[in-house]
Structure formats: structure tokens, C-alpha cells
Protein backbone atom coordinates (compact mmCIF):
# COMPACT_ATOMS: atom_id res chain seq x y z
CA UNK A 1 11.80 -19.23 1.58
CA UNK A 2 9.13 -21.67 3.12
CA UNK A 3 5.77 -21.32 0.97
CA UNK A 4 7.63 -20.62 -2.21
CA UNK A 5 6.53 -23.85 -4.74
CA UNK A 6 8.22 -25.65 -7.17
CA UNK A 7 6.31 -25.27 -10.77
CA UNK A 8 7.48 -28.83 -11.71
CA UNK A 9 5.24 -30.88 -9.19
CA UNK A 10 2.43 -28.77 -8.01
CA UNK A 11 0.44 -31.74 -7.41
CA UNK A 12 2.93 -33.47 -5.44
CA UNK A 13 3.14 -30.48 -3.13
CA UNK A 14 -0.26 -30.98 -2.13
CA UNK A 15 -1.50 -28.21 -4.98
CA UNK A 16 -4.91 -28.66 -7.33
CA UNK A 17 -5.94 -25.21 -7.45
CA UNK A 18 -3.46 -22.15 -9.00
CA UNK A 19 -4.88 -18.25 -8.34
CA UNK A 20 -3.07 -16.11 -11.01
CA UNK A 21 -3.65 -12.72 -9.85
CA UNK A 22 -2.84 -8.99 -10.99
CA UNK A 23 -3.07 -5.95 -8.67
CA UNK A 24 -5.61 -3.04 -9.12
CA UNK A 25 -5.28 0.41 -8.78
CA UNK A 26 -6.82 -0.06 -5.21
CA UNK A 27 -4.33 -2.46 -4.61
CA UNK A 28 -6.90 -5.14 -4.54
CA UNK A 29 -5.96 -8.43 -5.79
CA UNK A 30 -7.92 -9.62 -9.27
CA UNK A 31 -7.61 -12.82 -11.61
CA UNK A 32 -8.61 -16.29 -12.25
CA UNK A 33 -8.66 -19.62 -10.68
CA UNK A 34 -7.25 -22.39 -12.53
CA UNK A 35 -6.60 -26.37 -11.76
CA UNK A 36 -2.75 -26.84 -11.96
CA UNK A 37 -3.16 -28.60 -15.44
CA UNK A 38 -4.69 -25.05 -16.76
CA UNK A 39 -2.07 -23.06 -15.15
CA UNK A 40 0.96 -24.85 -16.91
CA UNK A 41 -0.51 -23.92 -20.50
CA UNK A 42 -1.15 -20.18 -19.92
CA UNK A 43 2.38 -19.86 -18.46
CA UNK A 44 3.92 -18.28 -21.97
CA UNK A 45 0.90 -16.80 -23.30
CA UNK A 46 -0.95 -15.29 -19.97
CA UNK A 47 -4.32 -15.08 -18.90
CA UNK A 48 -6.84 -12.81 -20.75
CA UNK A 49 -8.52 -10.09 -18.83
CA UNK A 50 -10.48 -7.31 -20.04
CA UNK A 51 -9.31 -4.01 -19.58
CA UNK A 52 -12.38 -2.74 -17.30
CA UNK A 53 -10.38 -3.97 -14.09
CA UNK A 54 -8.34 -0.70 -14.75
CA UNK A 55 -11.05 1.18 -15.76
CA UNK A 56 -13.69 0.96 -12.89
CA UNK A 57 -14.47 2.79 -9.73
CA UNK A 58 -13.76 0.88 -6.43
CA UNK A 59 -17.44 -0.30 -6.53
CA UNK A 60 -16.76 -1.43 -10.22
CA UNK A 61 -18.62 1.59 -11.68
CA UNK A 62 -17.83 1.39 -15.23
CA UNK A 63 -20.26 4.16 -16.55
CA UNK A 64 -18.93 7.14 -15.21
CA UNK A 65 -15.48 6.72 -14.83
CA UNK A 66 -13.71 7.99 -17.85
CA UNK A 67 -10.34 7.37 -18.77
CA UNK A 68 -8.08 6.99 -21.86
CA UNK A 69 -6.89 4.02 -21.45
CA UNK A 70 -10.23 1.81 -21.76
CA UNK A 71 -13.95 1.86 -21.99
CA UNK A 72 -16.22 1.73 -24.56
CA UNK A 73 -14.77 3.72 -26.81
CA UNK A 74 -11.91 1.02 -26.94
CA UNK A 75 -14.55 -1.98 -26.97
CA UNK A 76 -13.21 -2.83 -23.73
CA UNK A 77 -10.46 -5.21 -25.13
CA UNK A 78 -8.46 -7.24 -23.13
CA UNK A 79 -4.95 -7.34 -21.50
CA UNK A 80 -2.94 -10.49 -20.04
CA UNK A 81 -1.91 -11.61 -16.81
CA UNK A 82 2.07 -12.88 -17.35
CA UNK A 83 2.24 -15.10 -14.21
CA UNK A 84 5.69 -13.88 -12.66
CA UNK A 85 6.84 -17.51 -11.41
CA UNK A 86 9.08 -16.22 -9.09
CA UNK A 87 5.95 -15.15 -6.48
CA UNK A 88 4.53 -18.77 -6.94
CA UNK A 89 3.61 -19.83 -3.41
CA UNK A 90 1.18 -21.50 -1.05
CA UNK A 91 -1.81 -19.89 -0.34
CA UNK A 92 -1.44 -21.64 3.01
CA UNK A 93 -5.24 -20.27 4.57
CA UNK A 94 -7.08 -21.89 1.68
CA UNK A 95 -7.07 -25.54 0.92
CA UNK A 96 -4.72 -26.97 -1.84
CA UNK A 97 -4.46 -23.66 -3.28
CA UNK A 98 -1.17 -22.08 -5.08
CA UNK A 99 -1.13 -17.64 -5.73
CA UNK A 100 0.95 -16.49 -8.37
CA UNK A 101 1.15 -12.99 -8.98
CA UNK A 102 1.24 -11.60 -12.18
CA UNK A 103 2.74 -8.77 -14.50
CA UNK A 104 -0.41 -7.14 -16.83
CA UNK A 105 1.14 -6.43 -20.35
CA UNK A 106 -0.45 -5.21 -23.42
CA UNK A 107 -2.54 -7.97 -25.90
CA UNK A 108 -0.43 -7.32 -28.61
CA UNK A 109 2.62 -5.96 -28.33
CA UNK A 110 3.69 -7.79 -24.82
CA UNK A 111 4.58 -4.63 -23.44
CA UNK A 112 3.57 -3.76 -19.36
CA UNK A 113 0.44 -1.75 -18.89
CA UNK A 114 1.83 1.65 -17.99
CA UNK A 115 -1.23 2.10 -15.39
CA UNK A 116 -0.76 -1.30 -14.05
CA UNK A 117 0.55 -0.75 -10.08
CA UNK A 118 3.40 -3.21 -10.52
CA UNK A 119 4.81 -1.76 -13.85
CA UNK A 120 4.69 1.88 -11.98
CA UNK A 121 7.08 0.53 -9.12
CA UNK A 122 8.95 -1.90 -11.44
CA UNK A 123 9.94 1.18 -13.44
CA UNK A 124 11.29 3.03 -10.25
CA UNK A 125 13.34 0.18 -9.21
CA UNK A 126 14.99 -0.32 -12.60
CA UNK A 127 15.80 3.53 -12.33
CA UNK A 128 17.51 2.66 -8.76
CA UNK A 129 19.08 -0.45 -10.57
CA UNK A 130 20.55 1.70 -13.22
CA UNK A 131 22.56 3.38 -10.40
CA UNK A 132 23.91 0.65 -9.21
CA UNK A 133 21.32 0.50 -6.21
CA UNK A 134 18.61 -1.69 -4.95
CA UNK A 135 15.72 -0.13 -3.56
CA UNK A 136 14.61 -2.28 0.12
CA UNK A 137 11.34 -1.37 1.54
CA UNK A 138 8.86 -2.70 4.48
CA UNK A 139 5.27 -1.89 5.59
CA UNK A 140 3.74 -1.44 9.26
CA UNK A 141 0.04 -2.07 8.22
CA UNK A 142 -2.68 -1.68 10.79
CA UNK A 143 -6.17 -2.53 10.63
CA UNK A 144 -9.61 -2.73 12.56
CA UNK A 145 -11.41 -6.27 13.73
CA UNK A 146 -14.53 -6.32 14.12
CA UNK A 147 -17.30 -9.02 15.41
CA UNK A 148 -19.40 -10.32 12.35
CA UNK A 149 -18.98 -10.90 8.88
CA UNK A 150 -18.69 -8.37 5.96
CA UNK A 151 -22.38 -9.49 4.80
CA UNK A 152 -23.74 -9.03 8.35
CA UNK A 153 -21.95 -5.82 8.65
CA UNK A 154 -22.94 -4.27 5.33
CA UNK A 155 -26.71 -5.50 5.74
CA UNK A 156 -26.61 -3.59 9.21
CA UNK A 157 -24.82 -0.43 7.35
CA UNK A 158 -21.65 -0.85 9.36
CA UNK A 159 -23.73 0.67 12.34
CA UNK A 160 -23.42 -0.64 15.73
CA UNK A 161 -19.91 -1.99 15.40
CA UNK A 162 -18.43 -4.44 17.77
CA UNK A 163 -14.56 -4.30 17.70
CA UNK A 164 -12.68 -7.20 19.03
CA UNK A 165 -11.00 -4.67 22.13
CA UNK A 166 -13.26 -2.75 24.12
CA UNK A 167 -10.20 -0.72 25.73
CA UNK A 168 -7.10 0.97 24.57
CA UNK A 169 -4.88 -2.27 24.10
CA UNK A 170 -1.57 -0.39 22.59
CA UNK A 171 1.21 -3.02 23.40
CA UNK A 172 -1.12 -5.27 25.86
CA UNK A 173 -0.28 -8.68 25.84
CA UNK A 174 -3.44 -9.53 27.66
CA UNK A 175 -5.44 -8.26 24.43
CA UNK A 176 -3.34 -10.25 22.16
CA UNK A 177 -3.63 -12.66 24.52
CA UNK A 178 -7.51 -12.97 23.90
CA UNK A 179 -7.11 -13.06 20.25
CA UNK A 180 -4.29 -15.03 19.94
CA UNK A 181 -6.13 -18.57 18.56
CA UNK A 182 -7.29 -16.29 15.34
CA UNK A 183 -3.73 -14.29 14.93
CA UNK A 184 -1.63 -17.62 15.55
CA UNK A 185 -3.16 -18.64 12.38
CA UNK A 186 -2.92 -15.34 10.43
CA UNK A 187 0.84 -15.80 11.71
CA UNK A 188 1.09 -19.55 10.70
CA UNK A 189 -0.52 -19.12 7.37
CA UNK A 190 1.62 -15.99 6.21
CA UNK A 191 4.70 -17.69 7.20
CA UNK A 192 3.72 -20.85 5.17
CA UNK A 193 2.74 -18.46 2.47
CA UNK A 194 6.39 -17.37 2.07
CA UNK A 195 5.11 -14.22 3.75
CA UNK A 196 7.52 -13.79 6.69
CA UNK A 197 5.94 -12.13 9.64
CA UNK A 198 8.49 -9.54 12.12
CA UNK A 199 5.99 -8.30 14.71
CA UNK A 200 2.39 -8.16 15.71
CA UNK A 201 0.59 -6.37 18.57
CA UNK A 202 -2.85 -4.81 19.58
CA UNK A 203 -2.99 -0.96 18.65
CA UNK A 204 -4.38 1.70 20.48
CA UNK A 205 -7.90 1.91 18.99
CA UNK A 206 -10.81 -0.34 19.93
CA UNK A 207 -10.36 -3.33 18.22
CA UNK A 208 -7.00 -1.99 16.29
CA UNK A 209 -4.15 -4.39 15.97
CA UNK A 210 -0.86 -3.77 13.49
CA UNK A 211 1.53 -6.92 11.87
CA UNK A 212 4.28 -6.25 10.40
CA UNK A 213 6.19 -7.57 7.49
CA UNK A 214 9.93 -8.44 7.26
CA UNK A 215 11.62 -5.95 4.72
CA UNK A 216 12.69 -7.07 1.47
CA UNK A 217 13.09 -5.81 -1.86
CA UNK A 218 10.52 -3.21 -2.82
CA UNK A 219 8.77 -5.38 -5.69
CA UNK A 220 8.50 -8.16 -3.04
CA UNK A 221 7.47 -6.07 -0.08
CA UNK A 222 4.70 -4.94 -2.09
CA UNK A 223 3.84 -8.38 -3.26
CA UNK A 224 3.62 -9.19 0.37
CA UNK A 225 1.72 -6.51 1.37
CA UNK A 226 -1.06 -7.70 -1.02
CA UNK A 227 -1.23 -11.02 0.02
CA UNK A 228 -1.20 -10.23 3.44
CA UNK A 229 -4.12 -8.24 3.03
CA UNK A 230 -6.06 -10.64 1.23
CA UNK A 231 -4.88 -13.46 4.11
CA UNK A 232 -6.30 -11.45 6.76
CA UNK A 233 -9.71 -10.49 4.97
CA UNK A 234 -10.47 -14.12 4.19
CA UNK A 235 -9.62 -15.52 7.83
CA UNK A 236 -11.43 -12.68 9.75
CA UNK A 237 -14.44 -14.15 7.39
CA UNK A 238 -13.86 -17.80 8.37
CA UNK A 239 -13.70 -16.66 11.85
CA UNK A 240 -16.90 -14.91 11.70
CA UNK A 241 -15.33 -11.25 11.71
CA UNK A 242 -14.18 -8.43 9.31
CA UNK A 243 -11.18 -6.78 9.02
CA UNK A 244 -11.02 -3.26 7.31
CA UNK A 245 -8.36 -1.25 6.44
CA UNK A 246 -9.86 1.95 6.25
CA UNK A 247 -7.67 4.72 7.60
CA UNK A 248 -10.25 6.26 9.62
CA UNK A 249 -13.46 4.10 10.01
CA UNK A 250 -14.98 5.96 12.90
CA UNK A 251 -14.93 9.74 13.36
CA UNK A 252 -14.00 9.17 16.82
CA UNK A 253 -11.53 6.12 16.80
CA UNK A 254 -7.90 5.77 15.86
CA UNK A 255 -6.67 6.08 12.17
CA UNK A 256 -5.03 3.17 10.66
CA UNK A 257 -1.64 3.49 8.95
CA UNK A 258 0.59 2.21 6.42
CA UNK A 259 4.30 3.54 7.64
CA UNK A 260 6.46 2.57 4.62
CA UNK A 261 10.16 2.50 5.32
CA UNK A 262 12.88 2.43 2.61
CA UNK A 263 16.71 2.10 2.37
CA UNK A 264 18.96 1.32 -0.81
CA UNK A 265 21.91 -0.82 -1.00
CA UNK A 266 25.14 -0.75 -3.25
CA UNK A 267 25.32 -3.56 -5.77
CA UNK A 268 28.96 -3.56 -4.47
CA UNK A 269 27.58 -4.31 -1.12
CA UNK A 270 27.60 -0.82 0.21
CA UNK A 271 25.11 0.79 2.24
CA UNK A 272 24.50 4.36 1.26
CA UNK A 273 22.65 5.64 3.95
CA UNK A 274 25.06 4.95 6.70
CA UNK A 275 28.29 7.06 7.43
CA UNK A 276 29.93 6.04 10.80
CA UNK A 277 31.30 10.27 10.76
CA UNK A 278 28.13 11.70 10.17
CA UNK A 279 25.42 13.04 12.85
CA UNK A 280 23.50 10.00 14.39
CA UNK A 281 25.45 8.27 10.80
CA UNK A 282 22.76 9.51 8.98
CA UNK A 283 25.05 10.07 5.82
CA UNK A 284 24.85 12.88 3.38
CA UNK A 285 22.43 10.42 0.51
CA UNK A 286 20.08 9.73 3.50
CA UNK A 287 19.43 13.33 3.86
CA UNK A 288 18.80 14.21 0.56
CA UNK A 289 16.72 11.23 0.05
CA UNK A 290 14.48 12.63 2.80
CA UNK A 291 14.42 16.20 1.14
CA UNK A 292 13.45 14.23 -1.93
CA UNK A 293 10.49 12.47 -0.32
CA UNK A 294 9.46 15.78 1.91
CA UNK A 295 10.06 18.00 -1.40
CA UNK A 296 8.02 15.74 -3.72
CA UNK A 297 5.32 15.03 -0.91
CA UNK A 298 2.98 17.71 -2.26
CA UNK A 299 3.17 16.59 -5.72
CA UNK A 300 2.72 12.58 -5.18
CA UNK A 301 0.29 13.09 -2.14
CA UNK A 302 -2.76 11.03 -4.45
CA UNK A 303 -0.28 7.93 -4.09
CA UNK A 304 -0.05 8.13 -0.14
CA UNK A 305 -3.73 9.38 0.31
CA UNK A 306 -5.94 7.96 -2.28
CA UNK A 307 -9.01 8.07 -0.91
CA UNK A 308 -11.73 10.71 0.68
CA UNK A 309 -10.60 8.59 4.01
CA UNK A 310 -7.33 8.98 3.74
CA UNK A 311 -7.88 12.28 4.58
CA UNK A 312 -9.52 12.12 7.63
CA UNK A 313 -6.51 10.25 9.14
CA UNK A 314 -4.26 12.66 8.64
CA UNK A 315 -6.19 16.07 9.19
CA UNK A 316 -6.85 14.17 13.02
CA UNK A 317 -2.85 14.14 13.57
CA UNK A 318 -2.81 10.17 14.37
CA UNK A 319 0.70 10.44 14.28
CA UNK A 320 0.62 10.90 10.38
CA UNK A 321 2.78 13.74 10.21
CA UNK A 322 1.75 17.14 9.33
CA UNK A 323 3.56 19.85 6.73
CA UNK A 324 6.99 18.77 5.20
CA UNK A 325 8.97 18.04 8.75
CA UNK A 326 11.30 15.36 9.72
CA UNK A 327 13.20 14.34 12.46
CA UNK A 328 15.21 11.54 13.94
CA UNK A 329 13.04 8.63 15.61
CA UNK A 330 10.49 11.31 15.96
CA UNK A 331 6.76 10.13 15.52
CA UNK A 332 5.33 13.31 15.34
CA UNK A 333 7.06 14.65 11.68
CA UNK A 334 6.36 13.44 8.34
CA UNK A 335 9.60 11.71 7.40
CA UNK A 336 11.04 9.98 10.67
CA UNK A 337 14.83 8.78 10.41
CA UNK A 338 15.75 5.68 12.04
CA UNK A 339 19.19 4.87 12.77
CA UNK A 340 20.44 1.72 14.34
CA UNK A 341 23.49 0.67 11.80
CA UNK A 342 24.57 0.12 8.24
CA UNK A 343 21.92 -2.36 7.73
CA UNK A 344 19.32 -0.46 9.66
CA UNK A 345 19.31 3.23 8.51
CA UNK A 346 16.43 4.22 6.70
CA UNK A 347 13.45 6.53 6.34
CA UNK A 348 10.22 6.13 7.40
CA UNK A 349 7.53 7.83 5.86
CA UNK A 350 4.46 8.33 7.95
CA UNK A 351 1.92 9.46 5.60
CA UNK A 352 0.39 6.59 4.14
CA UNK A 353 -2.86 5.05 5.46
CA UNK A 354 -4.31 1.42 5.38
CA UNK A 355 -5.62 2.09 2.42
CA UNK A 356 -2.26 2.92 0.67
CA UNK A 357 -1.82 0.74 -2.57
CA UNK A 358 1.58 -0.28 -1.98
CA UNK A 359 3.05 -0.50 -5.17
CA UNK A 360 2.33 3.12 -6.05
CA UNK A 361 3.50 4.58 -2.63
CA UNK A 362 6.73 2.70 -2.67
CA UNK A 363 7.28 4.06 -6.32
CA UNK A 364 6.22 7.65 -5.41
CA UNK A 365 9.13 7.33 -2.19
CA UNK A 366 11.42 5.85 -4.60
CA UNK A 367 11.19 7.83 -7.41
CA UNK A 368 11.53 11.00 -4.84
CA UNK A 369 14.30 9.34 -3.24
CA UNK A 370 16.45 9.45 -6.09
CA UNK A 371 15.25 12.86 -6.99
CA UNK A 372 16.96 14.37 -4.13
CA UNK A 373 19.58 12.22 -4.00
CA UNK A 374 20.38 13.34 -7.73
CA UNK A 375 19.81 17.04 -7.15
CA UNK A 376 21.63 16.47 -3.44
CA UNK A 377 19.48 18.88 -2.06
CA UNK A 378 19.16 19.20 2.26
CA UNK A 379 15.97 18.79 4.07
CA UNK A 380 17.09 21.43 6.46
CA UNK A 381 17.77 21.08 10.58
CA UNK A 382 15.62 18.06 11.47
CA UNK A 383 12.56 18.72 14.04
CA UNK A 384 13.21 17.93 18.01
CA UNK A 385 10.22 18.39 19.45
CA UNK A 386 6.52 18.14 18.42
CA UNK A 387 6.12 18.07 14.79
CA UNK A 388 2.66 19.39 14.71
CA UNK A 389 3.66 22.53 16.58
CA UNK A 390 6.49 23.10 14.36
CA UNK A 391 4.96 22.11 10.97
CA UNK A 392 6.16 24.30 8.09
CA UNK A 393 4.90 23.48 3.98
CA UNK A 394 1.05 22.69 3.58
CA UNK A 395 0.05 19.22 2.31
CA UNK A 396 -3.01 18.58 -0.49
CA UNK A 397 -6.06 17.85 2.14
CA UNK A 398 -8.76 16.31 -0.45
CA UNK A 399 -8.66 14.15 -3.29
CA UNK A 400 -9.22 17.02 -5.35
CA UNK A 401 -6.24 19.30 -4.61
CA UNK A 402 -4.03 16.41 -4.71
CA UNK A 403 -5.15 15.00 -7.86
CA UNK A 404 -4.46 19.11 -9.13
CA UNK A 405 -1.06 18.80 -7.36
CA UNK A 406 -0.28 15.38 -9.55
CA UNK A 407 -1.31 16.76 -12.97
CA UNK A 408 0.37 19.90 -12.55
CA UNK A 409 3.66 18.22 -11.34
CA UNK A 410 6.40 18.31 -14.15
CA UNK A 411 8.18 15.82 -12.04
CA UNK A 412 5.40 13.40 -11.85
CA UNK A 413 4.76 13.27 -15.71
CA UNK A 414 8.64 12.81 -16.24
CA UNK A 415 8.93 10.90 -13.37
CA UNK A 416 5.70 8.13 -14.16
CA UNK A 417 4.68 9.27 -17.10
CA UNK A 418 1.75 11.60 -18.40
CA UNK A 419 -0.59 8.49 -18.80
CA UNK A 420 0.08 7.03 -15.65
CA UNK A 421 -0.63 11.04 -13.98
CA UNK A 422 -3.73 11.58 -16.05
CA UNK A 423 -5.01 8.19 -14.96
CA UNK A 424 -4.79 8.02 -11.52
CA UNK A 425 -5.99 12.05 -11.70
CA UNK A 426 -8.73 11.24 -13.32
CA UNK A 427 -9.74 8.59 -10.68
CA UNK A 428 -9.09 10.67 -8.19
CA UNK A 429 -11.37 13.12 -9.50
CA UNK A 430 -14.13 10.58 -9.95
CA UNK A 431 -13.92 9.36 -6.40
CA UNK A 432 -14.10 13.08 -5.23
CA UNK A 433 -17.26 13.83 -7.06
CA UNK A 434 -19.48 10.72 -5.99
CA UNK A 435 -18.58 11.90 -2.10
CA UNK A 436 -19.84 15.53 -3.39
CA UNK A 437 -23.04 14.23 -4.57
CA UNK A 438 -23.41 12.04 -1.69
CA UNK A 439 -25.81 13.52 1.13
CA UNK A 440 -24.66 12.03 4.69
CA UNK A 441 -25.96 11.36 8.03
CA UNK A 442 -23.46 14.37 9.01
CA UNK A 443 -25.08 16.58 6.70
CA UNK A 444 -28.59 15.74 8.45
CA UNK A 445 -26.93 15.83 12.03
CA UNK A 446 -25.78 19.67 11.08
CA UNK A 447 -28.19 21.08 8.87
CA UNK A 448 -31.64 19.40 8.74
CA UNK A 449 -32.93 21.69 11.59
CA UNK A 450 -30.03 24.19 11.79
CA UNK A 451 -30.59 26.03 8.45
């Protein structure tokens, strides 16, 4: 694939710097930069990193987030980042730079850290592999693009934002043409970095855009997703702009989604989700998988909607689904079935927003699919009309509720491990409390004179 590198001659390929990067709880890259000569030396042992990266909140506050995994009570010990050489690729948007994603492992035992997102997804991929199934996924990521650098927007309190489109421009070629110098550079950089783009388009919201990546095996898709976000943010900054992956950056604007597509293939070449004799070729295993995803959606909502802002997109009915609904090619449902042949049949979960951690959300989908197929449960009749009008079943709509569902779920504890459940529920509760403690503009506008 274009962009992947041969470790034996990095300098000959124009590389002088290698970024070794892990993925944190929020789907962000962390790590260190190394000269090529140093990278060769850390391949076996890995890089030593403080466990704080899995024990602080989204703003790197270590004082208020209390998790068992790490903290002052553990001495803030190290873990190791072990480079995964199958991910070594050119970071084409950075001069002379390669990036290698890494697995987080225990400092002494070398075992994968249970709370690391890549470890969590790998466990679900392996569970399917044990059944001779390979998981394939794809992400469709939307984002808003504003004029002004991140520093400039922050200094202005993110007020008076200047979007890169001033009219609704969904599918509009003209809007895309106006921004083509930037997006051509984005697409080219991604392609040259081994992150193949399928399609790109202007979206409905002001300043909103979407880029879809080609489908791949589940871990590779998640890896590409986080590299994509990094590249877009870096290139936007270089062009004097800011990309935000908030699910709902403005009260009166459109939300940004990250619909996730998922399917499986048999090790014998079979396509379990396709049945030429079934209704719309949707096989029994595909229906069971859909039923599993919906049946476990409440338990795993935290992995689909990990921030306070996530819920603002879902309750606004921004084509995010509502309740436990499914349908064939129905964008008003939570789970949309797409049928187009042996290689195309798949489910699309529409709950996740642009803030989603792709490793956690994909792990949740795959674990739920496997559960549904194992129990051979039925999703009931498909929704053929407005999924919002026909919605049944209630989803958690606050971060606190989502944390409660995760903690109380026997399925989550057995599928993802009790330590993982407790860790991410603690992180969510901390974030919820930070939200409750903050007095917002809404509070003042609503109550300052009226109470």
C-alpha cells in the first residue's frame, strides 16, 4: 500500500524522524518523536511512558480523576509503547516524518494494558477470529472547519466563529471547489500516508465536511481513523483554520457524526452476512448481529457517546437514530442495513458522533454482533418509515446514565473485563461532574433575571 515504509532503509526513503504513538482514552495520539537511529533501538523494548496518559481527563487534569489503574497511589509508574511495525508509514503531511502506532503494554509483564483502546479492540477482533471470522469496518467522519487557528479561536472564547461555508452545502460541488486547494492536499497526504480515501464531500451544516475512508480490517480502520484526524487538524492549522470534531459545536447548527459500518468474513472466504434467498439478501447472521447491537446499545452507550456534547447531537435528531430501531437503507433508524451483494452487506450504526474513540466504538459493535449471533436473537420487523416516529426503547441520554448502564451490565463486564468497565465509567462520571460544576452562558441567559 502507498505510504507504508520499509524499516530497513528509512533514511533512503527520505525519513529522518519517527513518531511512535499510542492512543489514549479519547482517541487521541500520544507518544514521542525519535531520530531514525533511536527508533531502531527501541523496537524490542519499546518506549517508556507515564501511566498518566490513561489516568487524566480530556484536559490532562490528574488531580480530580480517580482511577485504580494509576495515580499517586501507584507512584505514577511507567508502561511501555511497543511499536507495531505493520503500521509504520509516512506521515506525508509532515516533512521527513514517519509515524508508527504502538501497543501499550505493562512495564514488567509485557502484557497488553487492559484499559488501552487498542488492546480493547484487539480482544474483540481475536474473539471473532477464534470463530474463524474476520471483522471489517469503515468510518464516515464529519467535522466542522472554521477560519482562524486554534490559538486564535481559543483566545476569542470560540465566539463569532467564521465557518468555511456560509450556506447549507450538502453534496454541493461548488462549495467543494472553493475549498479544493485545501482538501486536495488533505486527500493527497492521506493517500501518501497509507490512509486511502473513498469519497469526500461538503456537508449540510455551515462549514461542515465529510471524508469517508476505505473499509479495512477493524484495527486497521481504527488506526487510519486516528491518523486521519491528526492529519486534518494539522493541515487545517497550517492553512490558518481549525477543524473541530465536536459532535455539536453550535446549538443552532448541525451535528457531526461518525457512522460506523461493520461486517464479517469467514476464514474460508464465505460472506456470512449475505444470503441470496433471504429478504433483500440479509442473512440470518446479519439479522442476529443487528439484534445484538441494538440489544446491547444501552449497556455500551458510553462507547458510542463518550462526552457531554455527544448527547446534544443525539437528542437533536441529527440523523443519529432514536431508540432501538433498524431498517433497510433507512437513515432515520439507529441501525441501518445496507444490502448490495456478498461484499457489500453490512450494518451501519448511526449513534456515534465525531468525538467517538474508534477503537472503543468498534469493539462495542463487534462484541455486540458476536453476542447477537451467538444467541441467534431476532431484531423484530424493520422500520419502513420515520424511525423517530416509530422509535421504541430508550437510550441513555446523559453521560451519568451511560456510565450507570455500563457499570450495571454483566455483558459489559464479561465482554470487556471489569477493570475496563470501572475505568471508563469513572472517567465518564468525572466528566459529568465537571459539566455540572460549570456555570454556562445558558444558565445566565435562562435564570439571571427570571428567577
